[in-house]
Amino acid sequence: MKTKNRYSCPECKTVVVLSYKPEKNFMGFQKISCPICENLFLYPLTLGYVIFYWMLVSINIISIIYTLFKGRTYDLIKSLANHPLGVVIIIYIVISLYRNQKLKRKIIEDMNINSTHI
């Protein structure tokens, strides 16, 4: 059986089976509504979002390291000051990846708790 569209509600622990593709919020997290308790909950990022976010973070880190090794610290600071939106986007992506890890850990903990109670 395909488990791709099976989600467990964190409130009532009901297994929700979706026949449709769930909506995503602005960060890319899947928004799912439980039909039993009507709780709206988020599920982790899909693999495509995670890969894309890590690529953006990696490219920025490499560019910062390259600029620092060239001895152009002033250019780096000037560039960051001139492009604050880029800095905000990178911070936003790092926060998204952190939230993704927290959601995954919570799901794993819930699965472990549910398996010990059965």
N, C-alpha and C. Protein backbone atom coordinates (compact mmCIF):
# COMPACT_ATOMS: atom_id res chain seq x y z
N MET A 1 0.83 -1.18 0.00
CA MET A 1 0.00 0.00 0.00
C MET A 1 0.88 1.25 0.00
N LYS A 2 0.50 2.23 -0.76
CA LYS A 2 1.26 3.46 -0.88
C LYS A 2 1.03 4.31 0.36
N THR A 3 2.12 4.70 1.04
CA THR A 3 1.99 5.50 2.26
C THR A 3 2.29 6.97 2.01
N LYS A 4 2.46 7.34 0.77
CA LYS A 4 2.82 8.72 0.44
C LYS A 4 1.74 9.71 0.87
N ASN A 5 0.48 9.35 0.75
CA ASN A 5 -0.61 10.26 1.07
C ASN A 5 -1.25 9.95 2.41
N ARG A 6 -0.52 9.31 3.32
CA ARG A 6 -1.03 9.00 4.66
C ARG A 6 -0.37 9.93 5.67
N TYR A 7 -1.19 10.57 6.46
CA TYR A 7 -0.70 11.51 7.46
C TYR A 7 -1.39 11.21 8.77
N SER A 8 -0.69 11.45 9.87
CA SER A 8 -1.26 11.22 11.19
C SER A 8 -1.52 12.56 11.85
N CYS A 9 -2.75 12.77 12.29
CA CYS A 9 -3.12 14.03 12.95
C CYS A 9 -2.44 14.09 14.31
N PRO A 10 -1.73 15.18 14.61
CA PRO A 10 -1.04 15.27 15.90
C PRO A 10 -1.98 15.44 17.09
N GLU A 11 -3.21 15.88 16.86
CA GLU A 11 -4.16 16.09 17.96
C GLU A 11 -4.90 14.81 18.34
N CYS A 12 -5.61 14.23 17.37
CA CYS A 12 -6.45 13.06 17.68
C CYS A 12 -5.80 11.74 17.26
N LYS A 13 -4.62 11.80 16.66
CA LYS A 13 -3.84 10.62 16.23
C LYS A 13 -4.53 9.79 15.16
N THR A 14 -5.51 10.38 14.46
CA THR A 14 -6.19 9.70 13.38
C THR A 14 -5.30 9.68 12.15
N VAL A 15 -5.28 8.56 11.45
CA VAL A 15 -4.52 8.48 10.19
C VAL A 15 -5.40 9.07 9.09
N VAL A 16 -4.89 10.12 8.47
CA VAL A 16 -5.62 10.80 7.40
C VAL A 16 -5.05 10.32 6.07
N VAL A 17 -5.91 9.76 5.23
CA VAL A 17 -5.49 9.32 3.90
C VAL A 17 -6.05 10.31 2.89
N LEU A 18 -5.16 10.97 2.16
CA LEU A 18 -5.59 11.98 1.19
C LEU A 18 -5.61 11.40 -0.21
N SER A 19 -6.65 11.73 -0.94
CA SER A 19 -6.72 11.32 -2.34
C SER A 19 -6.33 12.48 -3.25
N TYR A 20 -5.97 13.59 -2.65
CA TYR A 20 -5.58 14.78 -3.40
C TYR A 20 -4.22 15.27 -2.90
N LYS A 21 -3.63 16.17 -3.66
CA LYS A 21 -2.35 16.75 -3.28
C LYS A 21 -2.60 17.85 -2.26
N PRO A 22 -1.95 17.80 -1.08
CA PRO A 22 -2.22 18.82 -0.07
C PRO A 22 -1.72 20.20 -0.49
N GLU A 23 -2.38 21.23 0.03
CA GLU A 23 -1.94 22.60 -0.23
C GLU A 23 -0.62 22.84 0.50
N LYS A 24 0.10 23.86 0.06
CA LYS A 24 1.35 24.22 0.71
C LYS A 24 1.28 25.67 1.15
N ASN A 25 1.93 25.96 2.27
CA ASN A 25 1.97 27.35 2.71
C ASN A 25 3.14 28.05 2.00
N PHE A 26 3.38 29.28 2.36
CA PHE A 26 4.40 30.08 1.67
C PHE A 26 5.79 29.47 1.76
N MET A 27 6.09 28.81 2.87
CA MET A 27 7.41 28.21 3.06
C MET A 27 7.54 26.86 2.36
N GLY A 28 6.43 26.27 1.94
CA GLY A 28 6.46 24.98 1.27
C GLY A 28 5.99 23.82 2.12
N PHE A 29 5.61 24.08 3.37
CA PHE A 29 5.11 23.02 4.23
C PHE A 29 3.70 22.63 3.79
N GLN A 30 3.39 21.35 3.88
CA GLN A 30 2.09 20.84 3.47
C GLN A 30 1.05 21.13 4.56
N LYS A 31 -0.07 21.75 4.16
CA LYS A 31 -1.17 22.04 5.10
C LYS A 31 -2.23 20.96 4.93
N ILE A 32 -2.54 20.28 6.04
CA ILE A 32 -3.50 19.18 6.00
C ILE A 32 -4.54 19.40 7.09
N SER A 33 -5.79 19.11 6.76
CA SER A 33 -6.89 19.26 7.71
C SER A 33 -7.42 17.86 8.08
N CYS A 34 -7.55 17.63 9.37
CA CYS A 34 -8.07 16.35 9.86
C CYS A 34 -9.59 16.35 9.71
N PRO A 35 -10.16 15.31 9.10
CA PRO A 35 -11.61 15.27 8.94
C PRO A 35 -12.35 14.97 10.25
N ILE A 36 -11.67 14.43 11.24
CA ILE A 36 -12.31 14.07 12.51
C ILE A 36 -12.38 15.27 13.45
N CYS A 37 -11.21 15.83 13.79
CA CYS A 37 -11.17 16.93 14.77
C CYS A 37 -11.08 18.30 14.10
N GLU A 38 -11.00 18.33 12.80
CA GLU A 38 -10.92 19.56 12.00
C GLU A 38 -9.70 20.41 12.35
N ASN A 39 -8.65 19.77 12.84
CA ASN A 39 -7.40 20.45 13.16
C ASN A 39 -6.60 20.65 11.87
N LEU A 40 -6.08 21.86 11.68
CA LEU A 40 -5.22 22.14 10.54
C LEU A 40 -3.78 22.01 11.02
N PHE A 41 -3.02 21.12 10.40
CA PHE A 41 -1.64 20.91 10.84
C PHE A 41 -0.69 20.92 9.65
N LEU A 42 0.60 21.12 9.94
CA LEU A 42 1.63 21.18 8.91
C LEU A 42 2.41 19.88 8.91
N TYR A 43 2.84 19.49 7.72
CA TYR A 43 3.72 18.35 7.56
C TYR A 43 5.02 18.84 6.95
N PRO A 44 6.12 18.10 7.11
CA PRO A 44 7.43 18.58 6.65
C PRO A 44 7.49 18.89 5.15
N LEU A 45 8.56 19.57 4.80
CA LEU A 45 8.82 19.93 3.41
C LEU A 45 9.02 18.68 2.57
N THR A 46 8.65 18.77 1.32
CA THR A 46 8.93 17.66 0.41
C THR A 46 10.41 17.71 0.04
N LEU A 47 10.91 16.63 -0.53
CA LEU A 47 12.33 16.53 -0.85
C LEU A 47 12.80 17.62 -1.80
N GLY A 48 11.96 18.00 -2.76
CA GLY A 48 12.33 19.05 -3.72
C GLY A 48 12.61 20.37 -3.04
N TYR A 49 11.77 20.75 -2.08
CA TYR A 49 11.99 22.00 -1.35
C TYR A 49 13.28 21.91 -0.53
N VAL A 50 13.50 20.79 0.14
CA VAL A 50 14.69 20.65 0.98
C VAL A 50 15.95 20.77 0.13
N ILE A 51 15.99 20.09 -1.00
CA ILE A 51 17.17 20.16 -1.88
C ILE A 51 17.37 21.59 -2.37
N PHE A 52 16.30 22.25 -2.81
CA PHE A 52 16.41 23.62 -3.31
C PHE A 52 16.90 24.56 -2.21
N TYR A 53 16.36 24.44 -1.01
CA TYR A 53 16.78 25.31 0.09
C TYR A 53 18.25 25.08 0.45
N TRP A 54 18.67 23.81 0.52
CA TRP A 54 20.07 23.54 0.84
C TRP A 54 21.01 24.03 -0.25
N MET A 55 20.59 23.97 -1.51
CA MET A 55 21.42 24.49 -2.60
C MET A 55 21.60 26.01 -2.44
N LEU A 56 20.54 26.73 -2.13
CA LEU A 56 20.65 28.18 -1.95
C LEU A 56 21.56 28.53 -0.78
N VAL A 57 21.41 27.83 0.33
CA VAL A 57 22.27 28.09 1.49
C VAL A 57 23.72 27.77 1.16
N SER A 58 23.97 26.65 0.48
CA SER A 58 25.34 26.25 0.13
C SER A 58 26.00 27.25 -0.80
N ILE A 59 25.28 27.71 -1.80
CA ILE A 59 25.83 28.69 -2.74
C ILE A 59 26.21 29.97 -2.01
N ASN A 60 25.37 30.40 -1.09
CA ASN A 60 25.68 31.62 -0.34
C ASN A 60 26.86 31.44 0.59
N ILE A 61 26.96 30.31 1.24
CA ILE A 61 28.10 30.05 2.12
C ILE A 61 29.39 30.00 1.31
N ILE A 62 29.37 29.33 0.17
CA ILE A 62 30.55 29.25 -0.68
C ILE A 62 30.96 30.65 -1.15
N SER A 63 29.99 31.46 -1.52
CA SER A 63 30.31 32.81 -1.98
C SER A 63 30.90 33.66 -0.86
N ILE A 64 30.40 33.50 0.36
CA ILE A 64 30.96 34.24 1.50
C ILE A 64 32.38 33.78 1.80
N ILE A 65 32.60 32.47 1.80
CA ILE A 65 33.95 31.94 2.05
C ILE A 65 34.93 32.40 0.97
N TYR A 66 34.50 32.37 -0.27
CA TYR A 66 35.34 32.82 -1.39
C TYR A 66 35.73 34.28 -1.22
N THR A 67 34.76 35.12 -0.86
CA THR A 67 35.04 36.54 -0.67
C THR A 67 36.00 36.77 0.49
N LEU A 68 35.82 36.01 1.58
CA LEU A 68 36.71 36.16 2.72
C LEU A 68 38.13 35.70 2.41
N PHE A 69 38.28 34.60 1.65
CA PHE A 69 39.62 34.12 1.31
C PHE A 69 40.33 35.04 0.33
N LYS A 70 39.59 35.79 -0.43
CA LYS A 70 40.20 36.76 -1.34
C LYS A 70 40.66 38.00 -0.58
N GLY A 71 40.32 38.07 0.70
CA GLY A 71 40.74 39.20 1.52
C GLY A 71 39.89 40.44 1.30
N ARG A 72 38.66 40.24 0.83
CA ARG A 72 37.80 41.38 0.54
C ARG A 72 36.65 41.42 1.55
N THR A 73 37.01 41.52 2.82
CA THR A 73 36.00 41.56 3.86
C THR A 73 35.12 42.79 3.71
N TYR A 74 35.74 43.90 3.36
CA TYR A 74 34.97 45.13 3.17
C TYR A 74 33.93 44.96 2.07
N ASP A 75 34.33 44.29 0.97
CA ASP A 75 33.38 44.05 -0.13
C ASP A 75 32.22 43.18 0.33
N LEU A 76 32.50 42.21 1.17
CA LEU A 76 31.44 41.33 1.69
C LEU A 76 30.45 42.12 2.53
N ILE A 77 30.97 42.93 3.45
CA ILE A 77 30.10 43.72 4.32
C ILE A 77 29.29 44.71 3.49
N LYS A 78 29.94 45.33 2.53
CA LYS A 78 29.26 46.29 1.66
C LYS A 78 28.16 45.60 0.85
N SER A 79 28.46 44.41 0.35
CA SER A 79 27.49 43.65 -0.44
C SER A 79 26.28 43.25 0.41
N LEU A 80 26.54 42.79 1.63
CA LEU A 80 25.44 42.42 2.53
C LEU A 80 24.59 43.63 2.90
N ALA A 81 25.24 44.78 3.08
CA ALA A 81 24.50 45.99 3.43
C ALA A 81 23.68 46.50 2.25
N ASN A 82 24.17 46.30 1.03
CA ASN A 82 23.47 46.77 -0.15
C ASN A 82 22.34 45.84 -0.59
N HIS A 83 22.36 44.59 -0.13
CA HIS A 83 21.35 43.61 -0.52
C HIS A 83 20.72 42.96 0.72
N PRO A 84 20.00 43.74 1.52
CA PRO A 84 19.43 43.16 2.75
C PRO A 84 18.36 42.12 2.47
N LEU A 85 17.70 42.20 1.31
CA LEU A 85 16.68 41.21 0.99
C LEU A 85 17.29 39.81 0.86
N GLY A 86 18.48 39.74 0.27
CA GLY A 86 19.17 38.46 0.15
C GLY A 86 19.49 37.86 1.50
N VAL A 87 19.91 38.71 2.43
CA VAL A 87 20.21 38.24 3.78
C VAL A 87 18.93 37.74 4.46
N VAL A 88 17.84 38.47 4.29
CA VAL A 88 16.56 38.08 4.89
C VAL A 88 16.10 36.75 4.30
N ILE A 89 16.26 36.57 3.00
CA ILE A 89 15.84 35.32 2.35
C ILE A 89 16.65 34.14 2.89
N ILE A 90 17.94 34.30 3.04
CA ILE A 90 18.78 33.21 3.56
C ILE A 90 18.39 32.88 5.00
N ILE A 91 18.16 33.89 5.82
CA ILE A 91 17.71 33.65 7.19
C ILE A 91 16.38 32.91 7.19
N TYR A 92 15.49 33.31 6.32
CA TYR A 92 14.17 32.68 6.18
C TYR A 92 14.32 31.21 5.79
N ILE A 93 15.23 30.92 4.87
CA ILE A 93 15.45 29.54 4.43
C ILE A 93 16.02 28.70 5.57
N VAL A 94 16.97 29.26 6.31
CA VAL A 94 17.55 28.51 7.43
C VAL A 94 16.48 28.22 8.48
N ILE A 95 15.61 29.19 8.74
CA ILE A 95 14.51 28.97 9.69
C ILE A 95 13.57 27.88 9.17
N SER A 96 13.30 27.89 7.86
CA SER A 96 12.43 26.85 7.27
C SER A 96 13.04 25.47 7.44
N LEU A 97 14.34 25.35 7.18
CA LEU A 97 15.01 24.05 7.34
C LEU A 97 14.99 23.60 8.79
N TYR A 98 15.15 24.54 9.72
CA TYR A 98 15.10 24.21 11.14
C TYR A 98 13.70 23.73 11.53
N ARG A 99 12.68 24.45 11.09
CA ARG A 99 11.29 24.04 11.37
C ARG A 99 10.99 22.67 10.78
N ASN A 100 11.55 22.40 9.60
CA ASN A 100 11.35 21.11 8.96
C ASN A 100 11.92 19.99 9.83
N GLN A 101 13.11 20.20 10.36
CA GLN A 101 13.71 19.19 11.23
C GLN A 101 12.88 18.98 12.49
N LYS A 102 12.36 20.08 13.07
CA LYS A 102 11.53 19.95 14.27
C LYS A 102 10.26 19.16 13.97
N LEU A 103 9.62 19.42 12.82
CA LEU A 103 8.42 18.68 12.45
C LEU A 103 8.72 17.20 12.25
N LYS A 104 9.83 16.90 11.59
CA LYS A 104 10.21 15.50 11.37
C LYS A 104 10.45 14.78 12.69
N ARG A 105 11.17 15.45 13.62
CA ARG A 105 11.42 14.83 14.92
C ARG A 105 10.13 14.57 15.68
N LYS A 106 9.20 15.53 15.62
CA LYS A 106 7.92 15.37 16.30
C LYS A 106 7.14 14.20 15.72
N ILE A 107 7.15 14.05 14.40
CA ILE A 107 6.44 12.95 13.76
C ILE A 107 7.06 11.61 14.17
N ILE A 108 8.38 11.55 14.21
CA ILE A 108 9.06 10.32 14.60
C ILE A 108 8.74 9.98 16.06
N GLU A 109 8.76 11.00 16.93
CA GLU A 109 8.41 10.76 18.34
C GLU A 109 6.98 10.27 18.48
N ASP A 110 6.06 10.89 17.74
CA ASP A 110 4.66 10.46 17.79
C ASP A 110 4.51 9.01 17.30
N MET A 111 5.25 8.66 16.26
CA MET A 111 5.18 7.29 15.74
C MET A 111 5.73 6.31 16.77
N ASN A 112 6.80 6.69 17.47
CA ASN A 112 7.37 5.81 18.50
C ASN A 112 6.42 5.65 19.67
N ILE A 113 5.76 6.75 20.07
CA ILE A 113 4.81 6.66 21.17
C ILE A 113 3.62 5.80 20.78
N ASN A 114 3.10 5.99 19.56
CA ASN A 114 1.96 5.20 19.11
C ASN A 114 2.30 3.73 18.98
N SER A 115 3.53 3.40 18.56
CA SER A 115 3.89 1.99 18.40
C SER A 115 4.09 1.29 19.74
N THR A 116 4.46 2.05 20.78
CA THR A 116 4.63 1.41 22.09
C THR A 116 3.30 1.20 22.80
N HIS A 117 2.27 1.96 22.41
CA HIS A 117 0.96 1.83 23.04
C HIS A 117 0.11 0.73 22.40
N ILE A 118 0.53 0.24 21.28
CA ILE A 118 -0.27 -0.79 20.57
C ILE A 118 0.00 -2.15 21.12
